[in-house]
Amino acid sequence: MLYQVSNKYKDGSVEDFISTNPTHKNPNLVGSMVTPFKYRTKSLLRPGILTIQGKKYITPGWIPCHPDTQLTDIIHTKPIIKKVVIEKIEKHEYEFMSSNGKDKYFVRVIGESIKCTCPGFWVSKGNCKHVKEIRSTKF
């Protein structure tokens, strides 16, 4: 088991370290605070411990750790993966000739939204004759 040790000395200095020994005898100590210690990791993969060139690391993440660290000294949590659903929206465009035969108007249907480029679309609050025709044939 690992412990977080915080020692305060007579000269006012403070020393923080991780140890396997919760008690340290030193005549210069004024006070000591010892608490159990666990490394915390968050990854999709389970943690492992590797020793390379005499130094220990928690993987993945290559977290340097105490030489006596064991897997029981690690609290591992998997991140929550949010699934994103991308909905394919159908897009259609229809062309209409104006009543004077000179202009063209386009009706665009994107999902449930229907819009027309004719001036009557805005006057009729989105219910021009072109939109009505598309709705009558489509829905």
N, C-alpha and C. Protein backbone atom coordinates (compact mmCIF):
# COMPACT_ATOMS: atom_id res chain seq x y z
N MET A 1 0.84 -1.18 0.00
CA MET A 1 0.00 0.00 0.00
C MET A 1 0.89 1.24 0.00
N LEU A 2 0.44 2.26 -0.75
CA LEU A 2 1.19 3.51 -0.83
C LEU A 2 0.56 4.57 0.07
N TYR A 3 1.41 5.48 0.55
CA TYR A 3 0.96 6.57 1.41
C TYR A 3 1.51 7.89 0.90
N GLN A 4 0.69 8.95 1.00
CA GLN A 4 1.14 10.32 0.72
C GLN A 4 1.61 10.88 2.06
N VAL A 5 2.87 11.24 2.14
CA VAL A 5 3.46 11.72 3.38
C VAL A 5 3.84 13.19 3.21
N SER A 6 3.44 14.00 4.18
CA SER A 6 3.81 15.41 4.19
C SER A 6 4.46 15.71 5.54
N ASN A 7 5.75 15.95 5.50
CA ASN A 7 6.51 16.22 6.72
C ASN A 7 6.84 17.69 6.85
N LYS A 8 6.69 18.22 8.08
CA LYS A 8 7.08 19.60 8.36
C LYS A 8 8.24 19.54 9.36
N TYR A 9 9.34 20.25 9.03
CA TYR A 9 10.54 20.20 9.84
C TYR A 9 10.68 21.47 10.68
N LYS A 10 11.57 21.40 11.68
CA LYS A 10 11.80 22.53 12.60
C LYS A 10 12.25 23.79 11.88
N ASP A 11 12.97 23.63 10.77
CA ASP A 11 13.46 24.80 10.04
C ASP A 11 12.37 25.44 9.16
N GLY A 12 11.14 24.86 9.18
CA GLY A 12 10.02 25.42 8.41
C GLY A 12 9.82 24.80 7.05
N SER A 13 10.74 23.97 6.63
CA SER A 13 10.60 23.35 5.31
C SER A 13 9.56 22.22 5.36
N VAL A 14 8.99 21.96 4.20
CA VAL A 14 7.98 20.91 4.08
C VAL A 14 8.43 19.94 3.00
N GLU A 15 8.23 18.67 3.25
CA GLU A 15 8.63 17.63 2.31
C GLU A 15 7.41 16.76 2.02
N ASP A 16 7.05 16.64 0.75
CA ASP A 16 5.95 15.79 0.32
C ASP A 16 6.49 14.66 -0.53
N PHE A 17 6.06 13.43 -0.23
CA PHE A 17 6.50 12.30 -1.04
C PHE A 17 5.54 11.13 -0.87
N ILE A 18 5.71 10.13 -1.72
CA ILE A 18 4.93 8.91 -1.66
C ILE A 18 5.84 7.83 -1.10
N SER A 19 5.29 7.03 -0.17
CA SER A 19 6.10 6.02 0.49
C SER A 19 5.26 4.77 0.77
N THR A 20 5.94 3.66 1.02
CA THR A 20 5.26 2.44 1.46
C THR A 20 5.28 2.34 2.98
N ASN A 21 6.02 3.22 3.62
CA ASN A 21 6.15 3.21 5.08
C ASN A 21 5.42 4.43 5.66
N PRO A 22 4.32 4.23 6.40
CA PRO A 22 3.57 5.38 6.91
C PRO A 22 4.23 6.09 8.09
N THR A 23 5.25 5.49 8.71
CA THR A 23 5.90 6.14 9.86
C THR A 23 7.35 6.42 9.51
N HIS A 24 7.76 7.65 9.79
CA HIS A 24 9.15 8.06 9.56
C HIS A 24 9.67 8.68 10.84
N LYS A 25 10.75 8.14 11.34
CA LYS A 25 11.36 8.65 12.57
C LYS A 25 12.46 9.64 12.19
N ASN A 26 12.29 10.87 12.62
CA ASN A 26 13.29 11.89 12.35
C ASN A 26 13.19 12.92 13.48
N PRO A 27 14.28 13.18 14.19
CA PRO A 27 14.23 14.12 15.33
C PRO A 27 13.93 15.56 14.91
N ASN A 28 14.14 15.89 13.66
CA ASN A 28 13.88 17.26 13.20
C ASN A 28 12.43 17.49 12.76
N LEU A 29 11.60 16.44 12.83
CA LEU A 29 10.21 16.57 12.42
C LEU A 29 9.39 17.32 13.47
N VAL A 30 8.60 18.26 13.01
CA VAL A 30 7.67 18.97 13.88
C VAL A 30 6.31 18.27 13.80
N GLY A 31 5.94 17.89 12.58
CA GLY A 31 4.66 17.21 12.37
C GLY A 31 4.68 16.44 11.07
N SER A 32 3.79 15.48 11.00
CA SER A 32 3.72 14.66 9.81
C SER A 32 2.26 14.31 9.54
N MET A 33 1.89 14.35 8.27
CA MET A 33 0.55 13.96 7.89
C MET A 33 0.67 12.83 6.87
N VAL A 34 0.00 11.72 7.16
CA VAL A 34 0.08 10.54 6.31
C VAL A 34 -1.33 10.13 5.90
N THR A 35 -1.54 9.97 4.60
CA THR A 35 -2.84 9.52 4.09
C THR A 35 -2.61 8.43 3.05
N PRO A 36 -3.53 7.47 2.95
CA PRO A 36 -3.40 6.46 1.89
C PRO A 36 -3.40 7.12 0.52
N PHE A 37 -2.65 6.55 -0.40
CA PHE A 37 -2.50 7.17 -1.72
C PHE A 37 -2.82 6.16 -2.82
N LYS A 38 -3.54 6.63 -3.83
CA LYS A 38 -3.81 5.83 -5.03
C LYS A 38 -3.59 6.72 -6.25
N TYR A 39 -2.98 6.16 -7.27
CA TYR A 39 -2.88 6.86 -8.55
C TYR A 39 -4.24 6.76 -9.24
N ARG A 40 -4.60 7.78 -9.99
CA ARG A 40 -5.88 7.77 -10.71
C ARG A 40 -5.60 7.88 -12.21
N THR A 41 -6.22 6.98 -12.96
CA THR A 41 -6.08 7.00 -14.41
C THR A 41 -7.47 6.99 -15.05
N LYS A 42 -7.53 7.54 -16.24
CA LYS A 42 -8.78 7.56 -17.00
C LYS A 42 -8.43 7.29 -18.45
N SER A 43 -8.80 6.10 -18.93
CA SER A 43 -8.53 5.74 -20.33
C SER A 43 -9.44 4.58 -20.71
N LEU A 44 -9.53 4.33 -22.01
CA LEU A 44 -10.33 3.20 -22.49
C LEU A 44 -9.67 1.87 -22.15
N LEU A 45 -8.33 1.87 -22.07
CA LEU A 45 -7.58 0.65 -21.79
C LEU A 45 -7.32 0.51 -20.30
N ARG A 46 -7.25 -0.74 -19.84
CA ARG A 46 -6.91 -0.98 -18.44
C ARG A 46 -5.45 -0.59 -18.20
N PRO A 47 -5.15 -0.10 -16.99
CA PRO A 47 -3.76 0.32 -16.74
C PRO A 47 -2.81 -0.86 -16.60
N GLY A 48 -1.58 -0.58 -16.90
CA GLY A 48 -0.50 -1.53 -16.72
C GLY A 48 0.70 -0.81 -16.12
N ILE A 49 1.67 -1.56 -15.67
CA ILE A 49 2.87 -0.96 -15.08
C ILE A 49 4.08 -1.49 -15.84
N LEU A 50 4.92 -0.58 -16.29
CA LEU A 50 6.15 -0.95 -17.00
C LEU A 50 7.35 -0.36 -16.28
N THR A 51 8.43 -1.11 -16.29
CA THR A 51 9.70 -0.61 -15.76
C THR A 51 10.66 -0.48 -16.94
N ILE A 52 11.13 0.75 -17.15
CA ILE A 52 12.08 1.01 -18.23
C ILE A 52 13.26 1.77 -17.64
N GLN A 53 14.44 1.22 -17.85
CA GLN A 53 15.69 1.79 -17.36
C GLN A 53 15.60 2.14 -15.88
N GLY A 54 15.02 1.23 -15.09
CA GLY A 54 14.95 1.39 -13.65
C GLY A 54 13.84 2.30 -13.15
N LYS A 55 13.02 2.87 -14.04
CA LYS A 55 11.93 3.75 -13.62
C LYS A 55 10.60 3.09 -13.97
N LYS A 56 9.63 3.22 -13.05
CA LYS A 56 8.32 2.63 -13.26
C LYS A 56 7.35 3.65 -13.81
N TYR A 57 6.46 3.16 -14.72
CA TYR A 57 5.45 4.02 -15.34
C TYR A 57 4.11 3.29 -15.37
N ILE A 58 3.04 4.07 -15.23
CA ILE A 58 1.69 3.54 -15.41
C ILE A 58 1.30 3.85 -16.85
N THR A 59 0.86 2.80 -17.56
CA THR A 59 0.42 2.99 -18.94
C THR A 59 -1.06 2.67 -19.05
N PRO A 60 -1.78 3.18 -20.04
CA PRO A 60 -1.31 4.19 -20.99
C PRO A 60 -1.18 5.54 -20.31
N GLY A 61 -0.45 6.40 -20.89
CA GLY A 61 -0.25 7.74 -20.35
C GLY A 61 1.17 7.98 -19.86
N TRP A 62 1.92 6.91 -19.64
CA TRP A 62 3.30 7.02 -19.19
C TRP A 62 3.43 7.92 -17.97
N ILE A 63 2.67 7.59 -16.93
CA ILE A 63 2.69 8.35 -15.68
C ILE A 63 3.81 7.79 -14.80
N PRO A 64 4.83 8.62 -14.46
CA PRO A 64 5.88 8.13 -13.56
C PRO A 64 5.27 7.79 -12.20
N CYS A 65 5.71 6.68 -11.61
CA CYS A 65 5.14 6.27 -10.32
C CYS A 65 6.22 5.75 -9.38
N HIS A 66 5.82 5.53 -8.14
CA HIS A 66 6.70 5.02 -7.09
C HIS A 66 7.23 3.64 -7.50
N PRO A 67 8.49 3.32 -7.16
CA PRO A 67 9.06 2.02 -7.57
C PRO A 67 8.29 0.80 -7.05
N ASP A 68 7.57 0.95 -5.93
CA ASP A 68 6.84 -0.19 -5.37
C ASP A 68 5.36 -0.21 -5.77
N THR A 69 4.98 0.59 -6.76
CA THR A 69 3.58 0.66 -7.18
C THR A 69 3.13 -0.68 -7.75
N GLN A 70 1.91 -1.07 -7.37
CA GLN A 70 1.30 -2.28 -7.89
C GLN A 70 -0.05 -1.89 -8.49
N LEU A 71 -0.66 -2.80 -9.24
CA LEU A 71 -1.95 -2.50 -9.88
C LEU A 71 -3.02 -2.16 -8.85
N THR A 72 -2.92 -2.69 -7.65
CA THR A 72 -3.89 -2.38 -6.59
C THR A 72 -3.77 -0.93 -6.10
N ASP A 73 -2.69 -0.26 -6.46
CA ASP A 73 -2.49 1.14 -6.07
C ASP A 73 -3.04 2.11 -7.11
N ILE A 74 -3.77 1.58 -8.09
CA ILE A 74 -4.29 2.42 -9.18
C ILE A 74 -5.81 2.34 -9.20
N ILE A 75 -6.45 3.50 -9.21
CA ILE A 75 -7.90 3.57 -9.41
C ILE A 75 -8.11 3.97 -10.86
N HIS A 76 -8.76 3.08 -11.59
CA HIS A 76 -8.96 3.30 -13.03
C HIS A 76 -10.42 3.52 -13.34
N THR A 77 -10.72 4.55 -14.12
CA THR A 77 -12.08 4.77 -14.59
C THR A 77 -12.05 4.90 -16.10
N LYS A 78 -13.07 4.32 -16.74
CA LYS A 78 -13.19 4.45 -18.19
C LYS A 78 -13.97 5.71 -18.49
N PRO A 79 -13.55 6.48 -19.48
CA PRO A 79 -14.30 7.68 -19.85
C PRO A 79 -15.64 7.30 -20.46
N ILE A 80 -16.62 8.16 -20.29
CA ILE A 80 -17.93 7.93 -20.88
C ILE A 80 -17.86 8.33 -22.35
N ILE A 81 -18.26 7.41 -23.20
CA ILE A 81 -18.23 7.68 -24.63
C ILE A 81 -19.64 8.02 -25.06
N LYS A 82 -19.78 9.20 -25.61
CA LYS A 82 -21.08 9.64 -26.10
C LYS A 82 -21.22 9.22 -27.56
N LYS A 83 -22.29 8.53 -27.85
CA LYS A 83 -22.54 8.13 -29.22
C LYS A 83 -23.28 9.26 -29.92
N VAL A 84 -22.76 9.65 -31.05
CA VAL A 84 -23.37 10.72 -31.83
C VAL A 84 -24.06 10.07 -33.02
N VAL A 85 -25.34 10.34 -33.13
CA VAL A 85 -26.11 9.81 -34.25
C VAL A 85 -26.25 10.92 -35.28
N ILE A 86 -25.76 10.66 -36.45
CA ILE A 86 -25.86 11.64 -37.53
C ILE A 86 -27.01 11.20 -38.42
N GLU A 87 -28.01 12.04 -38.49
CA GLU A 87 -29.19 11.72 -39.27
C GLU A 87 -29.02 12.27 -40.68
N LYS A 88 -29.28 11.42 -41.64
CA LYS A 88 -29.18 11.87 -43.02
C LYS A 88 -30.46 12.62 -43.36
N ILE A 89 -30.33 13.87 -43.73
CA ILE A 89 -31.47 14.71 -44.07
C ILE A 89 -31.58 14.76 -45.59
N GLU A 90 -32.76 14.42 -46.04
CA GLU A 90 -33.00 14.47 -47.48
C GLU A 90 -33.16 15.91 -47.94
N LYS A 91 -32.56 16.21 -49.09
CA LYS A 91 -32.65 17.55 -49.66
C LYS A 91 -33.19 17.41 -51.08
N HIS A 92 -34.18 18.23 -51.38
CA HIS A 92 -34.75 18.23 -52.73
C HIS A 92 -34.93 19.68 -53.18
N GLU A 93 -34.82 19.89 -54.49
CA GLU A 93 -35.07 21.21 -55.03
C GLU A 93 -35.98 21.07 -56.26
N TYR A 94 -37.00 21.92 -56.28
CA TYR A 94 -37.97 21.90 -57.39
C TYR A 94 -37.96 23.26 -58.06
N GLU A 95 -38.16 23.26 -59.38
CA GLU A 95 -38.14 24.49 -60.17
C GLU A 95 -39.55 24.77 -60.71
N PHE A 96 -39.97 26.04 -60.56
CA PHE A 96 -41.27 26.47 -61.07
C PHE A 96 -41.07 27.68 -61.95
N MET A 97 -41.84 27.76 -63.03
CA MET A 97 -41.84 28.93 -63.91
C MET A 97 -42.86 29.92 -63.36
N SER A 98 -42.52 31.19 -63.38
CA SER A 98 -43.47 32.21 -62.90
C SER A 98 -44.65 32.30 -63.85
N SER A 99 -45.72 32.90 -63.39
CA SER A 99 -46.93 32.99 -64.21
C SER A 99 -46.72 33.86 -65.46
N ASN A 100 -45.73 34.79 -65.39
CA ASN A 100 -45.46 35.62 -66.58
C ASN A 100 -44.53 34.90 -67.57
N GLY A 101 -43.97 33.77 -67.15
CA GLY A 101 -43.12 32.98 -68.05
C GLY A 101 -41.70 33.49 -68.16
N LYS A 102 -41.34 34.54 -67.41
CA LYS A 102 -39.99 35.11 -67.53
C LYS A 102 -39.07 34.66 -66.38
N ASP A 103 -39.63 34.48 -65.18
CA ASP A 103 -38.80 34.18 -64.00
C ASP A 103 -38.94 32.71 -63.59
N LYS A 104 -37.93 32.26 -62.84
CA LYS A 104 -37.96 30.90 -62.27
C LYS A 104 -37.91 31.02 -60.75
N TYR A 105 -38.68 30.18 -60.08
CA TYR A 105 -38.65 30.12 -58.62
C TYR A 105 -38.24 28.71 -58.20
N PHE A 106 -37.55 28.65 -57.09
CA PHE A 106 -37.06 27.36 -56.61
C PHE A 106 -37.65 27.06 -55.23
N VAL A 107 -38.13 25.86 -55.09
CA VAL A 107 -38.61 25.39 -53.79
C VAL A 107 -37.59 24.38 -53.29
N ARG A 108 -37.07 24.62 -52.09
CA ARG A 108 -36.08 23.73 -51.48
C ARG A 108 -36.73 23.03 -50.29
N VAL A 109 -36.61 21.71 -50.29
CA VAL A 109 -37.13 20.91 -49.18
C VAL A 109 -35.93 20.27 -48.50
N ILE A 110 -35.70 20.66 -47.24
CA ILE A 110 -34.60 20.10 -46.46
C ILE A 110 -35.21 19.53 -45.18
N GLY A 111 -35.30 18.21 -45.13
CA GLY A 111 -35.96 17.56 -44.00
C GLY A 111 -37.43 17.94 -43.99
N GLU A 112 -37.88 18.59 -42.92
CA GLU A 112 -39.27 19.03 -42.79
C GLU A 112 -39.44 20.49 -43.23
N SER A 113 -38.36 21.17 -43.53
CA SER A 113 -38.40 22.59 -43.89
C SER A 113 -38.62 22.77 -45.39
N ILE A 114 -39.56 23.64 -45.75
CA ILE A 114 -39.83 23.94 -47.16
C ILE A 114 -39.74 25.46 -47.35
N LYS A 115 -38.91 25.89 -48.31
CA LYS A 115 -38.75 27.32 -48.58
C LYS A 115 -38.82 27.56 -50.08
N CYS A 116 -39.39 28.72 -50.44
CA CYS A 116 -39.53 29.08 -51.84
C CYS A 116 -38.89 30.45 -52.07
N THR A 117 -38.38 30.67 -53.29
CA THR A 117 -37.72 31.94 -53.60
C THR A 117 -38.69 32.97 -54.19
N CYS A 118 -39.97 32.63 -54.34
CA CYS A 118 -40.93 33.58 -54.93
C CYS A 118 -41.32 34.65 -53.91
N PRO A 119 -41.74 35.84 -54.37
CA PRO A 119 -42.15 36.91 -53.45
C PRO A 119 -43.39 36.53 -52.63
N GLY A 120 -44.24 35.67 -53.17
CA GLY A 120 -45.45 35.26 -52.46
C GLY A 120 -45.18 34.42 -51.23
N PHE A 121 -44.00 33.81 -51.17
CA PHE A 121 -43.64 32.97 -50.01
C PHE A 121 -43.66 33.79 -48.73
N TRP A 122 -43.11 34.99 -48.78
CA TRP A 122 -43.04 35.84 -47.59
C TRP A 122 -44.39 36.49 -47.30
N VAL A 123 -45.08 36.87 -48.34
CA VAL A 123 -46.40 37.50 -48.17
C VAL A 123 -47.37 36.50 -47.54
N SER A 124 -47.29 35.24 -47.97
CA SER A 124 -48.22 34.21 -47.47
C SER A 124 -47.70 33.52 -46.22
N LYS A 125 -46.62 34.05 -45.65
CA LYS A 125 -45.99 33.49 -44.44
C LYS A 125 -45.62 32.02 -44.64
N GLY A 126 -44.99 31.73 -45.76
CA GLY A 126 -44.47 30.39 -46.03
C GLY A 126 -45.46 29.44 -46.64
N ASN A 127 -46.56 29.97 -47.19
CA ASN A 127 -47.57 29.08 -47.74
C ASN A 127 -47.97 29.50 -49.16
N CYS A 128 -46.99 29.78 -50.01
CA CYS A 128 -47.28 30.19 -51.39
C CYS A 128 -47.81 29.01 -52.20
N LYS A 129 -48.23 29.26 -53.43
CA LYS A 129 -48.83 28.21 -54.25
C LYS A 129 -47.81 27.12 -54.62
N HIS A 130 -46.53 27.50 -54.69
CA HIS A 130 -45.49 26.51 -55.02
C HIS A 130 -45.30 25.53 -53.86
N VAL A 131 -45.26 26.08 -52.65
CA VAL A 131 -45.11 25.24 -51.45
C VAL A 131 -46.33 24.34 -51.31
N LYS A 132 -47.51 24.90 -51.55
CA LYS A 132 -48.74 24.10 -51.45
C LYS A 132 -48.70 22.93 -52.43
N GLU A 133 -48.21 23.16 -53.61
CA GLU A 133 -48.15 22.09 -54.61
C GLU A 133 -47.18 20.99 -54.18
N ILE A 134 -46.02 21.39 -53.63
CA ILE A 134 -45.05 20.40 -53.16
C ILE A 134 -45.64 19.59 -52.01
N ARG A 135 -46.30 20.28 -51.08
CA ARG A 135 -46.91 19.57 -49.93
C ARG A 135 -47.98 18.59 -50.40
N SER A 136 -48.76 18.98 -51.39
CA SER A 136 -49.85 18.11 -51.85
C SER A 136 -49.31 16.86 -52.55
N THR A 137 -48.14 16.97 -53.19
CA THR A 137 -47.57 15.81 -53.88
C THR A 137 -46.66 15.00 -52.98
N LYS A 138 -46.00 15.64 -52.03
CA LYS A 138 -45.00 14.98 -51.21
C LYS A 138 -45.61 14.36 -49.96
N PHE A 139 -46.55 15.03 -49.33
CA PHE A 139 -47.03 14.56 -48.03
C PHE A 139 -48.40 13.98 -48.14
